[in-house]
């Protein structure tokens, strides 16, 4: 009887040991799974700009991206339309006077969905009738790869395999940005294929938000907050030049035109400074 008790005790100890080892293995497996944020079907890199490829790993997010091309619309712009978006100049002829001398006086339409941002820029009369520089591409295309390639061709250090968020990655971006910005828009747009896409805002490994636009050094320099979704988007609408020098505002323009010539960085800094009228920037009058 006593022998049977020992055997039972040994068996219970062995079972507890095996159970403990299985639990440890399960915990290790779950921790490894937690590090993988997605069921990976393809390996994503900094060189993949096509959102459809990213969509293989992130189908739900890609579905949201594709919905921006739907032929629907709302009073706020909506996903798209069967034809070109509503002409704002016809809806409010005063805009022609406000933007006189500015390309928006030629063609100014309601915004469409994200998926149209590159095509609409390529076809707007602001570009076809009034030739624009390659710097316009900064806000409308998945251009990080194009910037880096041109940067490397023009002496920037490193390789395309370097992380974008690195000294060499940023050097490639900046050099390429300056070179492409100096091209005509018609030539620059041939270097890209997609509108702003996943790789422009997300790290392909961690999916963390990051700033990839060269103009971010000036466009978000006035912000008092750490990188957020809003600040990731802000550099896409910065009007600062590649040199980082503030844009000169002509002093002989009427108030509305001066405001139209300001960059988002200037307007943002004005709001942060507490000015109720963003066009009241030092050196200008409203």
C-alpha atoms as a PDB file:
ATOM      1  CA  UNK A   1       0.000   0.000   0.000  1.00  0.00           C
ATOM      2  CA  UNK A   2       2.833   2.336   0.920  1.00  0.00           C
ATOM      3  CA  UNK A   3       4.606   1.397  -2.323  1.00  0.00           C
ATOM      4  CA  UNK A   4       1.477   2.278  -4.278  1.00  0.00           C
ATOM      5  CA  UNK A   5       1.409   5.691  -2.586  1.00  0.00           C
ATOM      6  CA  UNK A   6       4.990   6.401  -3.659  1.00  0.00           C
ATOM      7  CA  UNK A   7       4.195   5.415  -7.221  1.00  0.00           C
ATOM      8  CA  UNK A   8       1.146   7.684  -7.221  1.00  0.00           C
ATOM      9  CA  UNK A   9       3.203  10.560  -5.817  1.00  0.00           C
ATOM     10  CA  UNK A  10       5.863  10.078  -8.498  1.00  0.00           C
ATOM     11  CA  UNK A  11       3.225   9.998 -11.201  1.00  0.00           C
ATOM     12  CA  UNK A  12       1.601  13.180  -9.891  1.00  0.00           C
ATOM     13  CA  UNK A  13       4.997  14.914  -9.727  1.00  0.00           C
ATOM     14  CA  UNK A  14       5.782  13.809 -13.281  1.00  0.00           C
ATOM     15  CA  UNK A  15       2.397  15.036 -14.506  1.00  0.00           C
ATOM     16  CA  UNK A  16       2.896  18.394 -12.759  1.00  0.00           C
ATOM     17  CA  UNK A  17       6.351  18.709 -14.302  1.00  0.00           C
ATOM     18  CA  UNK A  18       5.060  17.926 -17.782  1.00  0.00           C
ATOM     19  CA  UNK A  19       2.149  20.304 -17.262  1.00  0.00           C
ATOM     20  CA  UNK A  20       4.508  23.051 -16.155  1.00  0.00           C
ATOM     21  CA  UNK A  21       6.723  22.544 -19.200  1.00  0.00           C
ATOM     22  CA  UNK A  22       3.712  22.563 -21.534  1.00  0.00           C
ATOM     23  CA  UNK A  23       2.445  25.762 -19.893  1.00  0.00           C
ATOM     24  CA  UNK A  24       5.846  27.393 -20.291  1.00  0.00           C
ATOM     25  CA  UNK A  25       5.946  26.395 -23.960  1.00  0.00           C
ATOM     26  CA  UNK A  26       2.420  27.730 -24.489  1.00  0.00           C
ATOM     27  CA  UNK A  27       3.309  31.050 -22.879  1.00  0.00           C
ATOM     28  CA  UNK A  28       6.417  31.337 -25.074  1.00  0.00           C
ATOM     29  CA  UNK A  29       4.306  30.585 -28.165  1.00  0.00           C
ATOM     30  CA  UNK A  30       1.722  33.200 -27.245  1.00  0.00           C
ATOM     31  CA  UNK A  31       4.429  35.794 -26.632  1.00  0.00           C
ATOM     32  CA  UNK A  32       5.899  35.052 -30.047  1.00  0.00           C
ATOM     33  CA  UNK A  33       2.442  35.397 -31.626  1.00  0.00           C
ATOM     34  CA  UNK A  34       1.943  38.712 -29.875  1.00  0.00           C
ATOM     35  CA  UNK A  35       5.028  40.082 -31.590  1.00  0.00           C
ATOM     36  CA  UNK A  36       3.529  39.246 -34.977  1.00  0.00           C
ATOM     37  CA  UNK A  37       0.810  41.801 -35.608  1.00  0.00           C
ATOM     38  CA  UNK A  38      -0.524  40.138 -38.720  1.00  0.00           C
ATOM     39  CA  UNK A  39      -0.784  36.777 -40.446  1.00  0.00           C
ATOM     40  CA  UNK A  40       2.078  37.302 -42.862  1.00  0.00           C
ATOM     41  CA  UNK A  41       1.575  36.196 -46.456  1.00  0.00           C
ATOM     42  CA  UNK A  42       4.231  38.414 -48.027  1.00  0.00           C
ATOM     43  CA  UNK A  43       7.390  40.058 -46.754  1.00  0.00           C
ATOM     44  CA  UNK A  44       6.985  43.820 -46.840  1.00  0.00           C
ATOM     45  CA  UNK A  45       9.937  46.139 -47.408  1.00  0.00           C
ATOM     46  CA  UNK A  46      10.612  49.836 -47.909  1.00  0.00           C
ATOM     47  CA  UNK A  47      10.723  49.150 -51.642  1.00  0.00           C
ATOM     48  CA  UNK A  48       7.105  47.988 -51.959  1.00  0.00           C
ATOM     49  CA  UNK A  49       4.881  50.951 -52.796  1.00  0.00           C
ATOM     50  CA  UNK A  50       1.871  49.076 -54.196  1.00  0.00           C
ATOM     51  CA  UNK A  51      -0.891  49.108 -51.538  1.00  0.00           C
ATOM     52  CA  UNK A  52      -2.345  45.921 -53.046  1.00  0.00           C
ATOM     53  CA  UNK A  53       0.732  44.010 -51.906  1.00  0.00           C
ATOM     54  CA  UNK A  54       0.390  45.407 -48.400  1.00  0.00           C
ATOM     55  CA  UNK A  55      -3.265  44.392 -48.600  1.00  0.00           C
ATOM     56  CA  UNK A  56      -2.318  40.725 -48.682  1.00  0.00           C
ATOM     57  CA  UNK A  57      -1.171  41.070 -45.078  1.00  0.00           C
ATOM     58  CA  UNK A  58      -3.730  43.703 -44.113  1.00  0.00           C
ATOM     59  CA  UNK A  59      -6.952  42.931 -46.027  1.00  0.00           C
ATOM     60  CA  UNK A  60      -9.219  44.949 -43.731  1.00  0.00           C
ATOM     61  CA  UNK A  61      -7.109  48.090 -43.996  1.00  0.00           C
ATOM     62  CA  UNK A  62      -6.722  47.652 -47.744  1.00  0.00           C
ATOM     63  CA  UNK A  63     -10.487  47.334 -48.085  1.00  0.00           C
ATOM     64  CA  UNK A  64     -10.793  50.731 -46.396  1.00  0.00           C
ATOM     65  CA  UNK A  65      -8.245  52.154 -48.814  1.00  0.00           C
ATOM     66  CA  UNK A  66     -10.137  50.799 -51.825  1.00  0.00           C
ATOM     67  CA  UNK A  67     -13.365  52.358 -50.605  1.00  0.00           C
ATOM     68  CA  UNK A  68     -11.867  55.788 -51.247  1.00  0.00           C
ATOM     69  CA  UNK A  69     -12.287  55.037 -54.959  1.00  0.00           C
ATOM     70  CA  UNK A  70     -16.010  54.253 -54.751  1.00  0.00           C
ATOM     71  CA  UNK A  71     -18.262  56.296 -57.028  1.00  0.00           C
ATOM     72  CA  UNK A  72     -20.085  57.952 -54.199  1.00  0.00           C
ATOM     73  CA  UNK A  73     -20.103  61.457 -52.789  1.00  0.00           C
ATOM     74  CA  UNK A  74     -21.267  63.553 -49.866  1.00  0.00           C
ATOM     75  CA  UNK A  75     -21.352  67.263 -49.099  1.00  0.00           C
ATOM     76  CA  UNK A  76     -17.842  66.812 -47.668  1.00  0.00           C
ATOM     77  CA  UNK A  77     -16.342  65.273 -50.789  1.00  0.00           C
ATOM     78  CA  UNK A  78     -17.023  61.567 -50.399  1.00  0.00           C
ATOM     79  CA  UNK A  79     -15.179  58.772 -52.121  1.00  0.00           C
ATOM     80  CA  UNK A  80     -15.342  59.952 -55.695  1.00  0.00           C
ATOM     81  CA  UNK A  81     -17.654  60.738 -58.569  1.00  0.00           C
ATOM     82  CA  UNK A  82     -18.525  59.416 -62.000  1.00  0.00           C
ATOM     83  CA  UNK A  83     -16.707  62.330 -63.586  1.00  0.00           C
ATOM     84  CA  UNK A  84     -14.405  65.071 -62.338  1.00  0.00           C
ATOM     85  CA  UNK A  85     -15.391  66.517 -58.990  1.00  0.00           C
ATOM     86  CA  UNK A  86     -17.610  69.598 -58.674  1.00  0.00           C
ATOM     87  CA  UNK A  87     -16.061  72.818 -59.996  1.00  0.00           C
ATOM     88  CA  UNK A  88     -15.746  75.225 -57.055  1.00  0.00           C
ATOM     89  CA  UNK A  89     -14.998  78.154 -59.337  1.00  0.00           C
ATOM     90  CA  UNK A  90     -18.408  77.824 -60.985  1.00  0.00           C
ATOM     91  CA  UNK A  91     -20.094  77.365 -57.625  1.00  0.00           C
ATOM     92  CA  UNK A  92     -18.451  80.494 -56.201  1.00  0.00           C
ATOM     93  CA  UNK A  93     -17.024  82.851 -58.894  1.00  0.00           C
ATOM     94  CA  UNK A  94     -15.474  85.024 -56.169  1.00  0.00           C
ATOM     95  CA  UNK A  95     -12.745  82.398 -55.877  1.00  0.00           C
ATOM     96  CA  UNK A  96     -11.452  83.410 -59.312  1.00  0.00           C
ATOM     97  CA  UNK A  97     -10.699  86.867 -57.941  1.00  0.00           C
ATOM     98  CA  UNK A  98      -9.278  85.533 -54.670  1.00  0.00           C
ATOM     99  CA  UNK A  99      -6.869  83.244 -56.535  1.00  0.00           C
ATOM    100  CA  UNK A 100      -6.113  85.675 -59.364  1.00  0.00           C
ATOM    101  CA  UNK A 101      -2.569  85.039 -60.552  1.00  0.00           C
ATOM    102  CA  UNK A 102      -2.535  81.692 -58.750  1.00  0.00           C
ATOM    103  CA  UNK A 103      -3.111  78.364 -60.484  1.00  0.00           C
ATOM    104  CA  UNK A 104      -6.264  77.726 -58.466  1.00  0.00           C
ATOM    105  CA  UNK A 105      -7.935  80.501 -60.475  1.00  0.00           C
ATOM    106  CA  UNK A 106      -7.728  78.151 -63.476  1.00  0.00           C
ATOM    107  CA  UNK A 107      -9.114  74.968 -61.935  1.00  0.00           C
ATOM    108  CA  UNK A 108     -10.353  74.349 -58.390  1.00  0.00           C
ATOM    109  CA  UNK A 109     -12.559  71.361 -57.702  1.00  0.00           C
ATOM    110  CA  UNK A 110     -14.033  69.587 -54.701  1.00  0.00           C
ATOM    111  CA  UNK A 111     -11.784  66.909 -53.305  1.00  0.00           C
ATOM    112  CA  UNK A 112     -12.297  63.280 -54.173  1.00  0.00           C
ATOM    113  CA  UNK A 113     -11.198  60.119 -52.411  1.00  0.00           C
ATOM    114  CA  UNK A 114      -7.619  59.309 -51.492  1.00  0.00           C
ATOM    115  CA  UNK A 115      -7.246  56.899 -54.413  1.00  0.00           C
ATOM    116  CA  UNK A 116      -7.736  59.785 -56.881  1.00  0.00           C
ATOM    117  CA  UNK A 117      -5.135  62.155 -55.458  1.00  0.00           C
ATOM    118  CA  UNK A 118      -2.427  61.405 -58.019  1.00  0.00           C
ATOM    119  CA  UNK A 119      -4.678  61.062 -61.070  1.00  0.00           C
ATOM    120  CA  UNK A 120      -6.519  64.278 -60.214  1.00  0.00           C
ATOM    121  CA  UNK A 121      -3.230  66.133 -59.888  1.00  0.00           C
ATOM    122  CA  UNK A 122      -2.030  64.839 -63.231  1.00  0.00           C
ATOM    123  CA  UNK A 123      -5.196  65.938 -65.021  1.00  0.00           C
ATOM    124  CA  UNK A 124      -6.011  69.251 -63.331  1.00  0.00           C
ATOM    125  CA  UNK A 125      -5.740  72.348 -65.503  1.00  0.00           C
ATOM    126  CA  UNK A 126      -3.487  73.811 -62.816  1.00  0.00           C
ATOM    127  CA  UNK A 127      -0.870  71.414 -64.160  1.00  0.00           C
ATOM    128  CA  UNK A 128      -1.828  70.922 -67.810  1.00  0.00           C
ATOM    129  CA  UNK A 129      -2.302  74.644 -68.562  1.00  0.00           C
ATOM    130  CA  UNK A 130       0.199  76.092 -66.110  1.00  0.00           C
ATOM    131  CA  UNK A 131       3.341  73.905 -65.955  1.00  0.00           C
ATOM    132  CA  UNK A 132       4.316  73.077 -62.387  1.00  0.00           C
ATOM    133  CA  UNK A 133       7.586  71.855 -60.819  1.00  0.00           C
ATOM    134  CA  UNK A 134       8.259  68.345 -59.606  1.00  0.00           C
ATOM    135  CA  UNK A 135       7.930  69.495 -56.000  1.00  0.00           C
ATOM    136  CA  UNK A 136       4.146  69.224 -56.404  1.00  0.00           C
ATOM    137  CA  UNK A 137       4.608  65.457 -56.384  1.00  0.00           C
ATOM    138  CA  UNK A 138       5.649  65.646 -52.719  1.00  0.00           C
ATOM    139  CA  UNK A 139       2.064  65.546 -51.441  1.00  0.00           C
ATOM    140  CA  UNK A 140       0.291  63.312 -53.930  1.00  0.00           C
ATOM    141  CA  UNK A 141       2.331  60.180 -54.588  1.00  0.00           C
ATOM    142  CA  UNK A 142       4.010  57.204 -52.970  1.00  0.00           C
ATOM    143  CA  UNK A 143       7.381  58.748 -53.680  1.00  0.00           C
ATOM    144  CA  UNK A 144       9.780  57.621 -50.944  1.00  0.00           C
ATOM    145  CA  UNK A 145      11.254  54.936 -53.201  1.00  0.00           C
ATOM    146  CA  UNK A 146      11.601  57.353 -56.137  1.00  0.00           C
ATOM    147  CA  UNK A 147      13.284  59.944 -53.908  1.00  0.00           C
ATOM    148  CA  UNK A 148      15.738  57.388 -52.549  1.00  0.00           C
ATOM    149  CA  UNK A 149      16.613  55.984 -55.974  1.00  0.00           C
ATOM    150  CA  UNK A 150      17.267  59.423 -57.436  1.00  0.00           C
ATOM    151  CA  UNK A 151      19.130  60.389 -54.277  1.00  0.00           C
ATOM    152  CA  UNK A 152      21.462  57.419 -54.632  1.00  0.00           C
ATOM    153  CA  UNK A 153      22.012  58.215 -58.313  1.00  0.00           C
ATOM    154  CA  UNK A 154      23.107  61.690 -57.259  1.00  0.00           C
ATOM    155  CA  UNK A 155      25.632  60.743 -54.615  1.00  0.00           C
ATOM    156  CA  UNK A 156      23.599  60.121 -51.459  1.00  0.00           C
ATOM    157  CA  UNK A 157      25.226  57.556 -49.111  1.00  0.00           C
ATOM    158  CA  UNK A 158      24.013  54.029 -48.382  1.00  0.00           C
ATOM    159  CA  UNK A 159      21.780  51.632 -50.286  1.00  0.00           C
ATOM    160  CA  UNK A 160      18.073  50.998 -50.717  1.00  0.00           C
ATOM    161  CA  UNK A 161      18.376  48.234 -48.123  1.00  0.00           C
ATOM    162  CA  UNK A 162      19.119  50.808 -45.411  1.00  0.00           C
ATOM    163  CA  UNK A 163      16.208  51.583 -43.074  1.00  0.00           C
ATOM    164  CA  UNK A 164      14.367  54.677 -44.205  1.00  0.00           C
ATOM    165  CA  UNK A 165      14.476  56.003 -40.639  1.00  0.00           C
ATOM    166  CA  UNK A 166      18.249  56.293 -40.572  1.00  0.00           C
ATOM    167  CA  UNK A 167      20.861  58.912 -41.374  1.00  0.00           C
ATOM    168  CA  UNK A 168      21.527  57.411 -44.811  1.00  0.00           C
ATOM    169  CA  UNK A 169      17.820  56.862 -45.505  1.00  0.00           C
ATOM    170  CA  UNK A 170      16.994  60.489 -44.791  1.00  0.00           C
ATOM    171  CA  UNK A 171      20.022  61.661 -46.802  1.00  0.00           C
ATOM    172  CA  UNK A 172      18.712  59.703 -49.787  1.00  0.00           C
ATOM    173  CA  UNK A 173      15.229  61.161 -49.320  1.00  0.00           C
ATOM    174  CA  UNK A 174      16.446  64.744 -49.100  1.00  0.00           C
ATOM    175  CA  UNK A 175      18.810  64.499 -52.068  1.00  0.00           C
ATOM    176  CA  UNK A 176      16.175  62.820 -54.214  1.00  0.00           C
ATOM    177  CA  UNK A 177      13.557  65.337 -53.157  1.00  0.00           C
ATOM    178  CA  UNK A 178      15.723  68.252 -54.231  1.00  0.00           C
ATOM    179  CA  UNK A 179      16.563  66.650 -57.585  1.00  0.00           C
ATOM    180  CA  UNK A 180      12.997  65.597 -58.404  1.00  0.00           C
ATOM    181  CA  UNK A 181      11.593  68.945 -57.250  1.00  0.00           C
ATOM    182  CA  UNK A 182      13.796  70.660 -59.830  1.00  0.00           C
ATOM    183  CA  UNK A 183      12.246  68.618 -62.653  1.00  0.00           C
ATOM    184  CA  UNK A 184       9.117  69.614 -64.492  1.00  0.00           C
ATOM    185  CA  UNK A 185       6.008  67.960 -63.087  1.00  0.00           C
ATOM    186  CA  UNK A 186       5.442  66.120 -66.364  1.00  0.00           C
ATOM    187  CA  UNK A 187       8.830  64.430 -66.004  1.00  0.00           C
ATOM    188  CA  UNK A 188       8.705  63.930 -62.241  1.00  0.00           C
ATOM    189  CA  UNK A 189       5.318  62.199 -62.267  1.00  0.00           C
ATOM    190  CA  UNK A 190       6.698  59.490 -64.544  1.00  0.00           C
ATOM    191  CA  UNK A 191       8.903  58.336 -61.661  1.00  0.00           C
ATOM    192  CA  UNK A 192       5.950  57.247 -59.499  1.00  0.00           C
ATOM    193  CA  UNK A 193       3.045  54.884 -59.960  1.00  0.00           C
ATOM    194  CA  UNK A 194       0.736  55.104 -56.944  1.00  0.00           C
ATOM    195  CA  UNK A 195      -0.887  57.845 -54.859  1.00  0.00           C
ATOM    196  CA  UNK A 196       0.247  58.168 -51.247  1.00  0.00           C
ATOM    197  CA  UNK A 197       0.170  54.609 -49.941  1.00  0.00           C
ATOM    198  CA  UNK A 198       0.848  52.454 -46.883  1.00  0.00           C
ATOM    199  CA  UNK A 199       4.640  52.710 -47.028  1.00  0.00           C
ATOM    200  CA  UNK A 200       4.471  56.502 -46.838  1.00  0.00           C
ATOM    201  CA  UNK A 201       3.133  56.424 -43.277  1.00  0.00           C
ATOM    202  CA  UNK A 202       3.959  52.993 -41.831  1.00  0.00           C
ATOM    203  CA  UNK A 203       7.136  51.111 -41.051  1.00  0.00           C
ATOM    204  CA  UNK A 204       6.895  47.800 -42.977  1.00  0.00           C
ATOM    205  CA  UNK A 205       8.207  45.800 -39.990  1.00  0.00           C
ATOM    206  CA  UNK A 206       6.577  47.358 -36.940  1.00  0.00           C
ATOM    207  CA  UNK A 207       3.766  49.265 -38.703  1.00  0.00           C
ATOM    208  CA  UNK A 208       4.535  52.221 -36.466  1.00  0.00           C
ATOM    209  CA  UNK A 209       3.639  55.629 -37.866  1.00  0.00           C
ATOM    210  CA  UNK A 210       6.644  57.589 -39.096  1.00  0.00           C
ATOM    211  CA  UNK A 211       7.356  60.807 -40.968  1.00  0.00           C
ATOM    212  CA  UNK A 212       8.755  60.120 -44.441  1.00  0.00           C
ATOM    213  CA  UNK A 213       8.403  63.483 -46.172  1.00  0.00           C
ATOM    214  CA  UNK A 214      11.512  65.679 -46.502  1.00  0.00           C
ATOM    215  CA  UNK A 215       9.426  68.787 -45.898  1.00  0.00           C
ATOM    216  CA  UNK A 216       8.502  67.444 -42.465  1.00  0.00           C
ATOM    217  CA  UNK A 217      11.523  69.195 -40.956  1.00  0.00           C
ATOM    218  CA  UNK A 218       9.816  72.507 -41.674  1.00  0.00           C
ATOM    219  CA  UNK A 219       6.182  71.484 -41.967  1.00  0.00           C
ATOM    220  CA  UNK A 220       5.928  70.049 -38.435  1.00  0.00           C
ATOM    221  CA  UNK A 221       8.715  71.985 -36.750  1.00  0.00           C
ATOM    222  CA  UNK A 222       6.190  74.302 -35.141  1.00  0.00           C
ATOM    223  CA  UNK A 223       4.255  71.517 -33.445  1.00  0.00           C
ATOM    224  CA  UNK A 224       4.436  71.092 -29.688  1.00  0.00           C
ATOM    225  CA  UNK A 225       3.243  67.487 -29.723  1.00  0.00           C
ATOM    226  CA  UNK A 226       4.955  64.160 -30.474  1.00  0.00           C
ATOM    227  CA  UNK A 227       4.184  62.406 -33.809  1.00  0.00           C
ATOM    228  CA  UNK A 228       0.495  61.583 -34.102  1.00  0.00           C
ATOM    229  CA  UNK A 229      -1.790  60.781 -36.997  1.00  0.00           C
ATOM    230  CA  UNK A 230      -2.426  64.483 -37.528  1.00  0.00           C
ATOM    231  CA  UNK A 231       1.269  65.337 -37.619  1.00  0.00           C
ATOM    232  CA  UNK A 232       2.018  62.470 -39.984  1.00  0.00           C
ATOM    233  CA  UNK A 233      -0.408  64.065 -42.451  1.00  0.00           C
ATOM    234  CA  UNK A 234       0.713  67.654 -41.860  1.00  0.00           C
ATOM    235  CA  UNK A 235       4.051  67.363 -43.741  1.00  0.00           C
ATOM    236  CA  UNK A 236       2.129  66.254 -46.841  1.00  0.00           C
ATOM    237  CA  UNK A 237       0.626  69.722 -46.983  1.00  0.00           C
ATOM    238  CA  UNK A 238       3.667  71.789 -46.128  1.00  0.00           C
ATOM    239  CA  UNK A 239       4.414  74.597 -48.540  1.00  0.00           C
ATOM    240  CA  UNK A 240       8.002  75.004 -47.391  1.00  0.00           C
ATOM    241  CA  UNK A 241      10.732  74.691 -50.053  1.00  0.00           C
ATOM    242  CA  UNK A 242      13.422  72.015 -50.014  1.00  0.00           C
ATOM    243  CA  UNK A 243      15.967  74.416 -48.526  1.00  0.00           C
ATOM    244  CA  UNK A 244      13.911  74.876 -45.387  1.00  0.00           C
ATOM    245  CA  UNK A 245      13.840  78.656 -45.742  1.00  0.00           C
ATOM    246  CA  UNK A 246      10.460  80.282 -45.001  1.00  0.00           C
ATOM    247  CA  UNK A 247       8.405  81.156 -48.039  1.00  0.00           C
ATOM    248  CA  UNK A 248       8.434  84.844 -48.925  1.00  0.00           C
ATOM    249  CA  UNK A 249       4.995  86.453 -48.915  1.00  0.00           C
ATOM    250  CA  UNK A 250       4.639  89.351 -51.385  1.00  0.00           C
ATOM    251  CA  UNK A 251       3.667  92.492 -49.472  1.00  0.00           C
ATOM    252  CA  UNK A 252       1.557  93.968 -52.265  1.00  0.00           C
ATOM    253  CA  UNK A 253      -1.058  91.202 -52.344  1.00  0.00           C
ATOM    254  CA  UNK A 254      -4.564  91.704 -50.961  1.00  0.00           C
ATOM    255  CA  UNK A 255      -5.274  89.771 -47.713  1.00  0.00           C
ATOM    256  CA  UNK A 256      -7.032  86.768 -49.261  1.00  0.00           C
ATOM    257  CA  UNK A 257      -4.202  86.177 -51.713  1.00  0.00           C
ATOM    258  CA  UNK A 258      -1.606  86.426 -48.964  1.00  0.00           C
ATOM    259  CA  UNK A 259      -3.398  83.772 -46.982  1.00  0.00           C
ATOM    260  CA  UNK A 260      -3.533  81.544 -50.061  1.00  0.00           C
ATOM    261  CA  UNK A 261       0.257  81.841 -50.422  1.00  0.00           C
ATOM    262  CA  UNK A 262       1.010  80.795 -46.835  1.00  0.00           C
ATOM    263  CA  UNK A 263       2.198  77.308 -46.050  1.00  0.00           C
ATOM    264  CA  UNK A 264       0.432  75.025 -43.591  1.00  0.00           C
ATOM    265  CA  UNK A 265       3.491  75.326 -41.363  1.00  0.00           C
ATOM    266  CA  UNK A 266       3.052  79.095 -41.093  1.00  0.00           C
ATOM    267  CA  UNK A 267      -0.682  78.893 -40.514  1.00  0.00           C
ATOM    268  CA  UNK A 268      -0.216  76.113 -37.950  1.00  0.00           C
ATOM    269  CA  UNK A 269       2.430  78.041 -36.038  1.00  0.00           C
ATOM    270  CA  UNK A 270       0.134  81.067 -36.036  1.00  0.00           C
ATOM    271  CA  UNK A 271      -2.712  79.055 -34.529  1.00  0.00           C
ATOM    272  CA  UNK A 272      -0.406  77.501 -31.916  1.00  0.00           C
ATOM    273  CA  UNK A 273       0.785  81.001 -31.022  1.00  0.00           C
ATOM    274  CA  UNK A 274      -2.804  81.897 -30.237  1.00  0.00           C
ATOM    275  CA  UNK A 275      -3.561  84.190 -33.164  1.00  0.00           C
ATOM    276  CA  UNK A 276      -7.242  84.138 -34.010  1.00  0.00           C
ATOM    277  CA  UNK A 277      -6.533  85.188 -37.599  1.00  0.00           C
ATOM    278  CA  UNK A 278      -3.966  82.798 -39.139  1.00  0.00           C
ATOM    279  CA  UNK A 279      -3.146  85.230 -41.951  1.00  0.00           C
ATOM    280  CA  UNK A 280      -1.787  87.696 -39.391  1.00  0.00           C
ATOM    281  CA  UNK A 281       1.766  86.429 -39.806  1.00  0.00           C
ATOM    282  CA  UNK A 282       4.594  88.839 -38.935  1.00  0.00           C
ATOM    283  CA  UNK A 283       5.574  90.647 -42.107  1.00  0.00           C
ATOM    284  CA  UNK A 284       2.075  90.524 -43.580  1.00  0.00           C
ATOM    285  CA  UNK A 285      -1.164  92.374 -42.977  1.00  0.00           C
ATOM    286  CA  UNK A 286      -4.731  91.211 -43.215  1.00  0.00           C
END
